[in-house]
Amino acid sequence: MQQHLQILINFLTQNNFKAALQHYVDSSESENMAQLAFIFQQGNKNISNFDSYQQVATKFIKAKLLPEALIAQIKTNDTLSFFTPALQFEKNFSKTNHQQRNVLHYLLAGNLIAANSTTTSNAQPPFNYLRSLMLFESNEALCAALCQRDSQNITPVETYLFSHHNLTDLLDHELSALFALIEIESKQQVVNEMNYTLVIKAAIKLCDEQKQLMSSELQRLILIATYYNKTVKQVIKDMA
């Protein structure tokens, strides 16, 4: 085990949070990432420890701001849930990395946009959880993040349409939540029609790879039609 991590563990074991916090602040960003990963793992080992370790991670991030490298790691339901309090601080939901991507870009994209990920799960994103945060937490930064475009001019929802490999239908409450997110975005900005062709091409590739019939019943096509204000019939025609 790396020395900086062992020192942190010793401070936490001794309930010396002040020393643990100072050690985190004095550490490099790469060391901070390893420290936050350890805290996340400990918090998810036992539900009884979740809140206490979540509070530690939140206080660490508040003391030293959000590590840029952490943005690309918020790509599962578990990581989002654990780091939500920290992301709600100082508009961290809308903070971007060198590719102008925020946490929503990685969360909604699936595995493709995070090619260096070792995660094999391809679970659907937590759309209902995100909608709840927007509705009940008055999180302006989260709404802003939903509309942000990365260096390729792609929004978070477009990354889902463009690259998420899971073509199975969303559960009804998740589908309803995604429709709500699309509506929230549409009230704040217009869609970029140039991206429609890119998304269509990506959808064709995904369907071909998975031997999925491109029909009016395919939910991904319905979502593409909804996002770009097209009819499903027009989307299928454009994919032909």
Protein backbone atom coordinates (compact mmCIF):
# COMPACT_ATOMS: atom_id res chain seq x y z
CA MET A 1 0.00 0.00 0.00
CA GLN A 2 1.25 3.47 -0.86
CA GLN A 3 2.55 5.47 2.08
CA HIS A 4 0.21 8.46 1.60
CA LEU A 5 -2.77 6.11 1.76
CA GLN A 6 -1.51 4.31 4.84
CA ILE A 7 -1.03 7.64 6.59
CA LEU A 8 -4.62 8.63 5.79
CA ILE A 9 -5.93 5.31 7.05
CA ASN A 10 -4.00 5.71 10.30
CA PHE A 11 -5.47 9.17 10.90
CA LEU A 12 -8.99 7.95 10.16
CA THR A 13 -8.55 4.90 12.38
CA GLN A 14 -7.47 7.23 15.19
CA ASN A 15 -10.53 9.45 14.52
CA ASN A 16 -8.12 12.32 13.93
CA PHE A 17 -10.10 14.00 11.18
CA LYS A 18 -8.22 17.29 11.42
CA ALA A 19 -4.93 15.56 10.64
CA ALA A 20 -6.56 13.44 7.92
CA LEU A 21 -7.98 16.58 6.27
CA GLN A 22 -4.62 18.36 6.37
CA HIS A 23 -2.91 15.29 4.92
CA TYR A 24 -5.43 15.23 2.07
CA VAL A 25 -4.91 18.94 1.37
CA ASP A 26 -1.13 18.48 1.34
CA SER A 27 -1.29 15.51 -1.04
CA SER A 28 -1.06 15.68 -4.85
CA GLU A 29 -4.14 15.31 -7.06
CA SER A 30 -3.16 11.78 -8.06
CA GLU A 31 -2.83 10.90 -4.38
CA ASN A 32 -6.17 12.58 -3.66
CA MET A 33 -7.79 10.38 -6.30
CA ALA A 34 -6.43 7.24 -4.63
CA GLN A 35 -7.56 8.54 -1.24
CA LEU A 36 -11.08 9.30 -2.48
CA ALA A 37 -11.25 5.89 -4.17
CA PHE A 38 -10.37 4.23 -0.87
CA ILE A 39 -13.00 6.26 1.01
CA PHE A 40 -15.61 5.41 -1.63
CA GLN A 41 -14.79 1.71 -1.39
CA GLN A 42 -15.03 1.75 2.39
CA GLY A 43 -18.32 3.61 2.29
CA ASN A 44 -19.84 1.03 -0.05
CA LYS A 45 -18.59 -2.03 1.83
CA ASN A 46 -21.17 -1.66 4.56
CA ILE A 47 -24.31 0.46 4.42
CA SER A 48 -23.85 1.43 8.07
CA ASN A 49 -20.57 3.17 7.14
CA PHE A 50 -21.88 4.92 4.03
CA ASP A 51 -22.90 8.22 5.60
CA SER A 52 -19.75 8.68 7.64
CA TYR A 53 -17.40 8.00 4.72
CA GLN A 54 -19.55 10.12 2.42
CA GLN A 55 -19.18 13.01 4.87
CA VAL A 56 -15.41 12.54 4.91
CA ALA A 57 -15.21 12.63 1.10
CA THR A 58 -17.46 15.69 0.96
CA LYS A 59 -15.40 17.60 3.51
CA PHE A 60 -12.19 16.69 1.70
CA ILE A 61 -13.49 17.97 -1.63
CA LYS A 62 -14.90 21.12 -0.05
CA ALA A 63 -11.49 21.85 1.45
CA LYS A 64 -9.57 21.46 -1.82
CA LEU A 65 -12.20 21.75 -4.57
CA LEU A 66 -13.19 19.01 -7.00
CA PRO A 67 -10.23 17.11 -8.50
CA GLU A 68 -10.51 17.37 -12.28
CA ALA A 69 -9.68 13.69 -12.63
CA LEU A 70 -12.75 12.78 -10.56
CA ILE A 71 -15.12 14.15 -13.22
CA ALA A 72 -14.52 11.20 -15.54
CA GLN A 73 -14.99 8.71 -12.70
CA ILE A 74 -18.62 9.62 -11.91
CA LYS A 75 -19.99 7.07 -14.34
CA THR A 76 -22.06 4.69 -12.21
CA ASN A 77 -25.13 5.02 -10.01
CA ASP A 78 -23.02 4.21 -6.95
CA THR A 79 -20.37 6.86 -7.57
CA LEU A 80 -23.02 9.48 -8.30
CA SER A 81 -24.93 8.68 -5.12
CA PHE A 82 -21.78 8.76 -2.97
CA PHE A 83 -20.38 12.00 -4.37
CA THR A 84 -23.67 13.91 -4.81
CA PRO A 85 -23.17 16.15 -1.72
CA ALA A 86 -19.71 17.08 -2.96
CA LEU A 87 -20.99 17.72 -6.49
CA GLN A 88 -23.68 20.03 -5.14
CA PHE A 89 -20.98 22.20 -3.59
CA GLU A 90 -19.53 25.18 -5.52
CA LYS A 91 -21.38 24.23 -8.73
CA ASN A 92 -19.25 21.11 -9.11
CA PHE A 93 -21.89 19.46 -11.30
CA SER A 94 -21.03 21.97 -14.03
CA LYS A 95 -17.25 21.85 -13.60
CA THR A 96 -15.53 20.52 -16.74
CA ASN A 97 -12.26 18.79 -17.57
CA HIS A 98 -9.82 19.37 -20.44
CA GLN A 99 -12.35 17.91 -22.88
CA GLN A 100 -15.05 20.29 -21.63
CA ARG A 101 -17.00 17.34 -20.27
CA ASN A 102 -18.80 17.45 -16.97
CA VAL A 103 -19.87 14.54 -14.78
CA LEU A 104 -23.15 14.14 -16.67
CA HIS A 105 -21.32 13.54 -19.94
CA TYR A 106 -19.55 10.54 -18.40
CA LEU A 107 -22.53 9.32 -16.40
CA LEU A 108 -24.88 9.25 -19.39
CA ALA A 109 -22.40 8.07 -22.00
CA GLY A 110 -21.80 4.56 -20.76
CA ASN A 111 -18.44 2.89 -21.30
CA LEU A 112 -17.52 4.30 -24.71
CA ILE A 113 -16.70 7.84 -23.62
CA ALA A 114 -14.58 6.52 -20.76
CA ALA A 115 -12.45 4.13 -22.76
CA ASN A 116 -9.91 3.72 -19.95
CA SER A 117 -12.58 2.45 -17.59
CA THR A 118 -12.21 -1.00 -16.06
CA THR A 119 -15.95 -1.06 -15.33
CA THR A 120 -17.77 -3.78 -17.26
CA SER A 121 -21.28 -2.89 -16.12
CA ASN A 122 -23.43 -1.20 -18.74
CA ALA A 123 -26.38 -0.33 -16.52
CA GLN A 124 -28.75 2.39 -17.64
CA PRO A 125 -28.08 5.84 -16.17
CA PRO A 126 -30.08 7.00 -13.11
CA PHE A 127 -32.34 9.44 -14.94
CA ASN A 128 -34.98 9.44 -12.21
CA TYR A 129 -32.39 10.25 -9.56
CA LEU A 130 -31.13 13.19 -11.63
CA ARG A 131 -34.64 14.50 -12.20
CA SER A 132 -35.32 14.29 -8.47
CA LEU A 133 -32.19 16.29 -7.72
CA MET A 134 -33.27 18.98 -10.15
CA LEU A 135 -36.85 19.14 -8.87
CA PHE A 136 -36.30 18.92 -5.15
CA GLU A 137 -32.80 20.25 -4.56
CA SER A 138 -33.12 23.42 -6.69
CA ASN A 139 -29.75 22.56 -8.17
CA GLU A 140 -29.08 25.27 -10.74
CA ALA A 141 -25.59 23.93 -11.48
CA LEU A 142 -27.08 20.54 -12.35
CA CYS A 143 -29.51 22.15 -14.79
CA ALA A 144 -26.62 24.12 -16.28
CA ALA A 145 -24.58 20.93 -16.60
CA LEU A 146 -27.41 19.30 -18.54
CA CYS A 147 -27.04 21.97 -21.23
CA GLN A 148 -23.25 22.11 -21.41
CA ARG A 149 -21.54 21.02 -24.62
CA ASP A 150 -18.18 19.30 -24.65
CA SER A 151 -15.31 20.02 -27.03
CA GLN A 152 -17.19 18.10 -29.74
CA ASN A 153 -20.32 20.20 -29.15
CA ILE A 154 -22.21 17.28 -27.59
CA THR A 155 -24.58 17.62 -24.62
CA PRO A 156 -24.87 14.96 -21.88
CA VAL A 157 -28.19 13.63 -23.23
CA GLU A 158 -26.67 13.44 -26.70
CA THR A 159 -23.82 11.35 -25.31
CA TYR A 160 -26.44 8.86 -24.10
CA LEU A 161 -28.14 8.78 -27.51
CA PHE A 162 -24.79 8.69 -29.27
CA SER A 163 -22.75 6.16 -27.35
CA HIS A 164 -24.57 4.24 -24.61
CA HIS A 165 -24.48 0.60 -25.68
CA ASN A 166 -27.44 -0.58 -23.64
CA LEU A 167 -30.36 -0.55 -26.10
CA THR A 168 -32.82 -2.27 -23.78
CA ASP A 169 -35.91 -0.29 -22.85
CA LEU A 170 -35.73 1.99 -19.86
CA LEU A 171 -38.14 1.27 -17.04
CA ASP A 172 -41.23 3.47 -17.22
CA HIS A 173 -40.17 5.81 -14.40
CA GLU A 174 -36.67 6.16 -15.88
CA LEU A 175 -38.08 6.85 -19.35
CA SER A 176 -40.44 9.46 -17.93
CA ALA A 177 -37.51 11.07 -16.12
CA LEU A 178 -35.42 11.20 -19.30
CA PHE A 179 -38.30 12.85 -21.16
CA ALA A 180 -38.43 15.39 -18.34
CA LEU A 181 -34.68 16.07 -18.63
CA ILE A 182 -35.04 16.56 -22.38
CA GLU A 183 -37.86 19.03 -21.73
CA ILE A 184 -35.77 20.91 -19.15
CA GLU A 185 -32.93 21.24 -21.65
CA SER A 186 -35.25 22.27 -24.50
CA LYS A 187 -36.53 25.19 -22.42
CA GLN A 188 -32.99 26.49 -21.97
CA GLN A 189 -31.44 26.00 -25.42
CA VAL A 190 -32.17 24.80 -28.94
CA VAL A 191 -30.78 21.51 -30.23
CA ASN A 192 -27.83 21.47 -32.60
CA GLU A 193 -29.24 19.96 -35.79
CA MET A 194 -25.72 19.16 -37.01
CA ASN A 195 -25.45 16.55 -34.26
CA TYR A 196 -28.56 14.73 -35.51
CA THR A 197 -26.64 13.11 -38.37
CA LEU A 198 -23.85 12.03 -36.02
CA VAL A 199 -26.33 10.46 -33.61
CA ILE A 200 -28.16 8.69 -36.44
CA LYS A 201 -24.90 7.17 -37.72
CA ALA A 202 -23.97 6.06 -34.22
CA ALA A 203 -27.42 4.49 -33.73
CA ILE A 204 -27.06 2.56 -36.99
CA LYS A 205 -23.69 1.22 -35.83
CA LEU A 206 -25.06 0.21 -32.42
CA CYS A 207 -28.01 -1.58 -34.00
CA ASP A 208 -25.79 -3.39 -36.49
CA GLU A 209 -23.36 -4.51 -33.78
CA GLN A 210 -26.19 -5.85 -31.64
CA LYS A 211 -28.25 -7.17 -34.55
CA GLN A 212 -31.09 -4.96 -33.37
CA LEU A 213 -33.98 -4.32 -35.75
CA MET A 214 -34.45 -0.60 -36.41
CA SER A 215 -38.20 -0.29 -35.95
CA SER A 216 -40.65 2.25 -34.58
CA GLU A 217 -40.74 0.19 -31.37
CA LEU A 218 -37.06 0.68 -30.59
CA GLN A 219 -36.91 3.05 -27.65
CA ARG A 220 -33.58 4.62 -28.63
CA LEU A 221 -35.11 5.80 -31.90
CA ILE A 222 -38.11 7.22 -30.06
CA LEU A 223 -35.74 9.15 -27.80
CA ILE A 224 -33.73 10.45 -30.75
CA ALA A 225 -36.96 11.61 -32.40
CA THR A 226 -38.06 13.33 -29.19
CA TYR A 227 -34.74 15.07 -28.61
CA TYR A 228 -34.41 16.42 -32.15
CA ASN A 229 -38.12 17.16 -32.63
CA LYS A 230 -38.55 14.58 -35.41
CA THR A 231 -41.11 11.87 -36.02
CA VAL A 232 -39.98 8.30 -35.47
CA LYS A 233 -40.88 7.64 -39.08
CA GLN A 234 -38.47 10.39 -40.18
CA VAL A 235 -35.69 8.98 -38.00
CA ILE A 236 -36.12 5.50 -39.50
CA LYS A 237 -36.13 6.99 -42.99
CA ASP A 238 -32.91 8.90 -42.27
CA MET A 239 -31.30 5.69 -41.01
CA ALA A 240 -32.16 3.75 -44.15
